[in-house]
Amino acid sequence: MDKMPLAAVVCQSFPESVLLFALGLTLMGAPLRWRRIVFAAVIYTVISFFVRNLPLPYGIHTITGLVVMCALFIVFFRLPLQMAATASLLSILTLGVLEILFYPLVLATGLSIREIWARPVLRILIPLPELISLGIITWWCARKKITLSSSWPFQQKAGEEKQNRERQS
């Protein structure tokens, strides 16, 4: 159980959620509709906050987060289930990899995770490099149009149908 202070929710969890949705949409080749992203991130952050406060075994909040994120991709961005699940998994996986890469920074503080969590300022500052890196990755993928959408068979078929309609016009 993790009792996250409101300041950490607003300054760390919410921006992270915005970036996770933006990265997932970018990788799926979907447009970045920022109002929807912000609204979905607010809902995701609130649900995540309450789930973290439940007395659940460690890791259950991650699974719940994946399911909630997938559902929000479907509802707010109308992604098919396969794409929503892939977007959710890739976003959370990227975050996990960044957390592992930046773990030496946590060790360098000489503090345990529990000690960092107990200090709201550290709880916000320690993940900043990871959050900035997630932002850079998201921005770079969007700028370079790095997407996995062309590998989805139903999108290839939809693209072929669109090209056929354009030729007939």
C-alpha atoms as a PDB file:
ATOM      1  CA  MET A   1       0.000   0.000   0.000  1.00  0.00           C
ATOM      2  CA  ASP A   2       1.358   3.374  -1.051  1.00  0.00           C
ATOM      3  CA  LYS A   3      -0.110   6.570   0.384  1.00  0.00           C
ATOM      4  CA  MET A   4       0.938   9.047  -2.268  1.00  0.00           C
ATOM      5  CA  PRO A   5       0.722  12.701  -1.190  1.00  0.00           C
ATOM      6  CA  LEU A   6      -1.418  15.012  -3.325  1.00  0.00           C
ATOM      7  CA  ALA A   7       1.639  17.047  -4.380  1.00  0.00           C
ATOM      8  CA  ALA A   8       3.245  13.894  -5.817  1.00  0.00           C
ATOM      9  CA  VAL A   9       0.007  12.995  -7.610  1.00  0.00           C
ATOM     10  CA  VAL A  10      -0.156  16.424  -9.258  1.00  0.00           C
ATOM     11  CA  CYS A  11       3.562  16.953  -9.936  1.00  0.00           C
ATOM     12  CA  GLN A  12       4.686  13.429 -10.761  1.00  0.00           C
ATOM     13  CA  SER A  13       1.866  10.969 -11.396  1.00  0.00           C
ATOM     14  CA  PHE A  14      -0.312  13.185 -13.597  1.00  0.00           C
ATOM     15  CA  PRO A  15       2.479  14.374 -15.960  1.00  0.00           C
ATOM     16  CA  GLU A  16       3.705  10.784 -16.188  1.00  0.00           C
ATOM     17  CA  SER A  17       0.189   9.672 -17.177  1.00  0.00           C
ATOM     18  CA  VAL A  18      -0.038  12.356 -19.867  1.00  0.00           C
ATOM     19  CA  LEU A  19       3.262  11.173 -21.329  1.00  0.00           C
ATOM     20  CA  LEU A  20       2.238   7.505 -21.172  1.00  0.00           C
ATOM     21  CA  PHE A  21      -0.939   8.204 -23.160  1.00  0.00           C
ATOM     22  CA  ALA A  22       0.937  10.407 -25.649  1.00  0.00           C
ATOM     23  CA  LEU A  23       3.610   7.739 -26.169  1.00  0.00           C
ATOM     24  CA  GLY A  24       1.048   4.973 -26.615  1.00  0.00           C
ATOM     25  CA  LEU A  25      -0.927   6.989 -29.156  1.00  0.00           C
ATOM     26  CA  THR A  26       2.229   7.994 -31.010  1.00  0.00           C
ATOM     27  CA  LEU A  27       3.435   4.400 -31.281  1.00  0.00           C
ATOM     28  CA  MET A  28       0.025   3.316 -32.578  1.00  0.00           C
ATOM     29  CA  GLY A  29       0.033   6.074 -35.207  1.00  0.00           C
ATOM     30  CA  ALA A  30      -3.003   7.745 -33.657  1.00  0.00           C
ATOM     31  CA  PRO A  31      -3.358  11.532 -33.542  1.00  0.00           C
ATOM     32  CA  LEU A  32      -2.401  13.315 -30.327  1.00  0.00           C
ATOM     33  CA  ARG A  33      -5.622  14.942 -29.147  1.00  0.00           C
ATOM     34  CA  TRP A  34      -4.327  16.809 -26.140  1.00  0.00           C
ATOM     35  CA  ARG A  35      -7.664  17.567 -24.474  1.00  0.00           C
ATOM     36  CA  ARG A  36      -8.563  13.896 -24.547  1.00  0.00           C
ATOM     37  CA  ILE A  37      -5.072  12.933 -23.397  1.00  0.00           C
ATOM     38  CA  VAL A  38      -5.324  15.279 -20.415  1.00  0.00           C
ATOM     39  CA  PHE A  39      -8.815  14.068 -19.521  1.00  0.00           C
ATOM     40  CA  ALA A  40      -7.793  10.398 -19.805  1.00  0.00           C
ATOM     41  CA  ALA A  41      -4.665  11.125 -17.733  1.00  0.00           C
ATOM     42  CA  VAL A  42      -6.755  12.763 -15.003  1.00  0.00           C
ATOM     43  CA  ILE A  43      -9.027   9.727 -14.804  1.00  0.00           C
ATOM     44  CA  TYR A  44      -6.068   7.338 -14.893  1.00  0.00           C
ATOM     45  CA  THR A  45      -4.246   9.304 -12.179  1.00  0.00           C
ATOM     46  CA  VAL A  46      -7.277   9.401  -9.887  1.00  0.00           C
ATOM     47  CA  ILE A  47      -7.960   5.681 -10.286  1.00  0.00           C
ATOM     48  CA  SER A  48      -4.267   4.917  -9.786  1.00  0.00           C
ATOM     49  CA  PHE A  49      -4.242   7.047  -6.625  1.00  0.00           C
ATOM     50  CA  PHE A  50      -7.133   5.092  -5.116  1.00  0.00           C
ATOM     51  CA  VAL A  51      -5.761   1.694  -6.189  1.00  0.00           C
ATOM     52  CA  ARG A  52      -2.391   2.500  -4.603  1.00  0.00           C
ATOM     53  CA  ASN A  53      -4.179   3.246  -1.334  1.00  0.00           C
ATOM     54  CA  LEU A  54      -5.833  -0.182  -1.267  1.00  0.00           C
ATOM     55  CA  PRO A  55      -4.175  -2.963   0.741  1.00  0.00           C
ATOM     56  CA  LEU A  56      -3.278  -4.992  -2.350  1.00  0.00           C
ATOM     57  CA  PRO A  57      -0.158  -7.095  -2.910  1.00  0.00           C
ATOM     58  CA  TYR A  58       2.669  -5.343  -4.733  1.00  0.00           C
ATOM     59  CA  GLY A  59       2.271  -5.459  -8.515  1.00  0.00           C
ATOM     60  CA  ILE A  60      -1.522  -5.588  -8.537  1.00  0.00           C
ATOM     61  CA  HIS A  61      -1.629  -1.808  -9.032  1.00  0.00           C
ATOM     62  CA  THR A  62       0.457  -2.239 -12.200  1.00  0.00           C
ATOM     63  CA  ILE A  63      -1.908  -4.854 -13.615  1.00  0.00           C
ATOM     64  CA  THR A  64      -4.897  -2.688 -12.685  1.00  0.00           C
ATOM     65  CA  GLY A  65      -3.166   0.278 -14.313  1.00  0.00           C
ATOM     66  CA  LEU A  66      -2.694  -1.661 -17.545  1.00  0.00           C
ATOM     67  CA  VAL A  67      -6.356  -2.650 -17.658  1.00  0.00           C
ATOM     68  CA  VAL A  68      -7.527   0.897 -16.872  1.00  0.00           C
ATOM     69  CA  MET A  69      -5.150   2.430 -19.419  1.00  0.00           C
ATOM     70  CA  CYS A  70      -6.293  -0.043 -22.068  1.00  0.00           C
ATOM     71  CA  ALA A  71      -9.940   0.803 -21.351  1.00  0.00           C
ATOM     72  CA  LEU A  72      -9.203   4.533 -21.555  1.00  0.00           C
ATOM     73  CA  PHE A  73      -7.426   4.077 -24.911  1.00  0.00           C
ATOM     74  CA  ILE A  74     -10.553   2.334 -26.181  1.00  0.00           C
ATOM     75  CA  VAL A  75     -13.074   4.816 -24.759  1.00  0.00           C
ATOM     76  CA  PHE A  76     -11.306   8.137 -25.367  1.00  0.00           C
ATOM     77  CA  PHE A  77      -9.292   7.377 -28.498  1.00  0.00           C
ATOM     78  CA  ARG A  78     -11.398   4.617 -30.083  1.00  0.00           C
ATOM     79  CA  LEU A  79      -8.452   2.285 -30.472  1.00  0.00           C
ATOM     80  CA  PRO A  80      -9.303  -1.349 -31.195  1.00  0.00           C
ATOM     81  CA  LEU A  81      -8.622  -3.702 -28.270  1.00  0.00           C
ATOM     82  CA  GLN A  82      -5.369  -5.065 -29.754  1.00  0.00           C
ATOM     83  CA  MET A  83      -3.980  -1.589 -30.329  1.00  0.00           C
ATOM     84  CA  ALA A  84      -5.141  -0.336 -26.924  1.00  0.00           C
ATOM     85  CA  ALA A  85      -3.516  -3.299 -25.188  1.00  0.00           C
ATOM     86  CA  THR A  86      -0.309  -2.847 -27.173  1.00  0.00           C
ATOM     87  CA  ALA A  87      -0.221   0.908 -26.510  1.00  0.00           C
ATOM     88  CA  SER A  88      -0.734   0.290 -22.787  1.00  0.00           C
ATOM     89  CA  LEU A  89       1.901  -2.426 -22.588  1.00  0.00           C
ATOM     90  CA  LEU A  90       4.503  -0.475 -24.564  1.00  0.00           C
ATOM     91  CA  SER A  91       3.940   2.694 -22.532  1.00  0.00           C
ATOM     92  CA  ILE A  92       4.174   0.916 -19.180  1.00  0.00           C
ATOM     93  CA  LEU A  93       7.123  -1.173 -20.394  1.00  0.00           C
ATOM     94  CA  THR A  94       8.991   1.978 -21.471  1.00  0.00           C
ATOM     95  CA  LEU A  95       8.325   3.509 -18.063  1.00  0.00           C
ATOM     96  CA  GLY A  96       9.571   0.339 -16.370  1.00  0.00           C
ATOM     97  CA  VAL A  97      12.775   0.321 -18.406  1.00  0.00           C
ATOM     98  CA  LEU A  98      13.401   3.972 -17.526  1.00  0.00           C
ATOM     99  CA  GLU A  99      12.801   3.235 -13.845  1.00  0.00           C
ATOM    100  CA  ILE A 100      15.388   0.451 -14.011  1.00  0.00           C
ATOM    101  CA  LEU A 101      17.880   2.668 -15.850  1.00  0.00           C
ATOM    102  CA  PHE A 102      17.497   5.479 -13.320  1.00  0.00           C
ATOM    103  CA  TYR A 103      17.555   3.224 -10.255  1.00  0.00           C
ATOM    104  CA  PRO A 104      21.279   3.948  -9.714  1.00  0.00           C
ATOM    105  CA  LEU A 105      20.244   7.583  -9.150  1.00  0.00           C
ATOM    106  CA  VAL A 106      18.006   6.389  -6.308  1.00  0.00           C
ATOM    107  CA  LEU A 107      20.886   4.351  -4.889  1.00  0.00           C
ATOM    108  CA  ALA A 108      23.188   7.378  -5.114  1.00  0.00           C
ATOM    109  CA  THR A 109      20.983   9.235  -2.636  1.00  0.00           C
ATOM    110  CA  GLY A 110      21.823   6.659   0.018  1.00  0.00           C
ATOM    111  CA  LEU A 111      18.135   6.521   0.928  1.00  0.00           C
ATOM    112  CA  SER A 112      15.747   3.608   0.704  1.00  0.00           C
ATOM    113  CA  ILE A 113      12.584   3.756  -1.418  1.00  0.00           C
ATOM    114  CA  ARG A 114      10.513   3.991   1.780  1.00  0.00           C
ATOM    115  CA  GLU A 115      12.579   6.980   2.974  1.00  0.00           C
ATOM    116  CA  ILE A 116      12.157   8.721  -0.392  1.00  0.00           C
ATOM    117  CA  TRP A 117       8.413   8.002  -0.407  1.00  0.00           C
ATOM    118  CA  ALA A 118       8.170   9.482   3.089  1.00  0.00           C
ATOM    119  CA  ARG A 119       9.581  12.817   1.856  1.00  0.00           C
ATOM    120  CA  PRO A 120       7.168  14.491  -0.589  1.00  0.00           C
ATOM    121  CA  VAL A 121       9.833  16.750  -2.118  1.00  0.00           C
ATOM    122  CA  LEU A 122      12.159  13.836  -2.839  1.00  0.00           C
ATOM    123  CA  ARG A 123       9.238  11.798  -4.110  1.00  0.00           C
ATOM    124  CA  ILE A 124       8.714  14.489  -6.764  1.00  0.00           C
ATOM    125  CA  LEU A 125      12.378  15.290  -7.530  1.00  0.00           C
ATOM    126  CA  ILE A 126      13.892  11.785  -7.737  1.00  0.00           C
ATOM    127  CA  PRO A 127      11.694  10.673 -10.705  1.00  0.00           C
ATOM    128  CA  LEU A 128      12.273  13.924 -12.657  1.00  0.00           C
ATOM    129  CA  PRO A 129      15.108  12.547 -14.850  1.00  0.00           C
ATOM    130  CA  GLU A 130      12.927   9.558 -15.710  1.00  0.00           C
ATOM    131  CA  LEU A 131       9.961  11.843 -16.458  1.00  0.00           C
ATOM    132  CA  ILE A 132      12.101  14.115 -18.634  1.00  0.00           C
ATOM    133  CA  SER A 133      13.474  11.076 -20.478  1.00  0.00           C
ATOM    134  CA  LEU A 134       9.938   9.759 -21.058  1.00  0.00           C
ATOM    135  CA  GLY A 135       9.019  13.177 -22.446  1.00  0.00           C
ATOM    136  CA  ILE A 136      12.028  13.214 -24.769  1.00  0.00           C
ATOM    137  CA  ILE A 137      11.276   9.681 -26.009  1.00  0.00           C
ATOM    138  CA  THR A 138       7.642  10.611 -26.629  1.00  0.00           C
ATOM    139  CA  TRP A 139       8.571  13.851 -28.401  1.00  0.00           C
ATOM    140  CA  TRP A 140      11.221  12.096 -30.532  1.00  0.00           C
ATOM    141  CA  CYS A 141       8.850   9.295 -31.562  1.00  0.00           C
ATOM    142  CA  ALA A 142       6.157  11.848 -32.470  1.00  0.00           C
ATOM    143  CA  ARG A 143       8.611  14.068 -34.360  1.00  0.00           C
ATOM    144  CA  LYS A 144      10.155  11.185 -36.312  1.00  0.00           C
ATOM    145  CA  LYS A 145       6.723   9.563 -36.788  1.00  0.00           C
ATOM    146  CA  ILE A 146       7.931   6.334 -35.238  1.00  0.00           C
ATOM    147  CA  THR A 147       4.884   4.120 -35.215  1.00  0.00           C
ATOM    148  CA  LEU A 148       3.966   0.473 -35.152  1.00  0.00           C
ATOM    149  CA  SER A 149       0.620   1.012 -36.849  1.00  0.00           C
ATOM    150  CA  SER A 150       1.715  -0.135 -40.301  1.00  0.00           C
ATOM    151  CA  SER A 151       2.316  -3.603 -38.892  1.00  0.00           C
ATOM    152  CA  TRP A 152      -1.347  -4.051 -37.915  1.00  0.00           C
ATOM    153  CA  PRO A 153      -3.107  -6.187 -40.569  1.00  0.00           C
ATOM    154  CA  PHE A 154      -6.472  -4.445 -40.209  1.00  0.00           C
ATOM    155  CA  GLN A 155      -4.820  -1.054 -40.711  1.00  0.00           C
ATOM    156  CA  GLN A 156      -3.042  -2.291 -43.813  1.00  0.00           C
ATOM    157  CA  LYS A 157      -6.379  -3.476 -45.179  1.00  0.00           C
ATOM    158  CA  ALA A 158      -8.032  -0.144 -44.295  1.00  0.00           C
ATOM    159  CA  GLY A 159      -5.180   1.695 -46.013  1.00  0.00           C
ATOM    160  CA  GLU A 160      -5.550  -0.422 -49.133  1.00  0.00           C
ATOM    161  CA  GLU A 161      -9.310   0.210 -49.200  1.00  0.00           C
ATOM    162  CA  LYS A 162      -8.720   3.956 -48.871  1.00  0.00           C
ATOM    163  CA  GLN A 163      -6.214   3.907 -51.746  1.00  0.00           C
ATOM    164  CA  ASN A 164      -8.691   1.973 -53.912  1.00  0.00           C
ATOM    165  CA  ARG A 165     -11.427   4.526 -53.185  1.00  0.00           C
ATOM    166  CA  GLU A 166      -9.075   7.376 -54.065  1.00  0.00           C
ATOM    167  CA  ARG A 167      -8.133   5.711 -57.359  1.00  0.00           C
ATOM    168  CA  GLN A 168     -11.789   5.219 -58.251  1.00  0.00           C
ATOM    169  CA  SER A 169     -12.585   8.895 -57.590  1.00  0.00           C
END
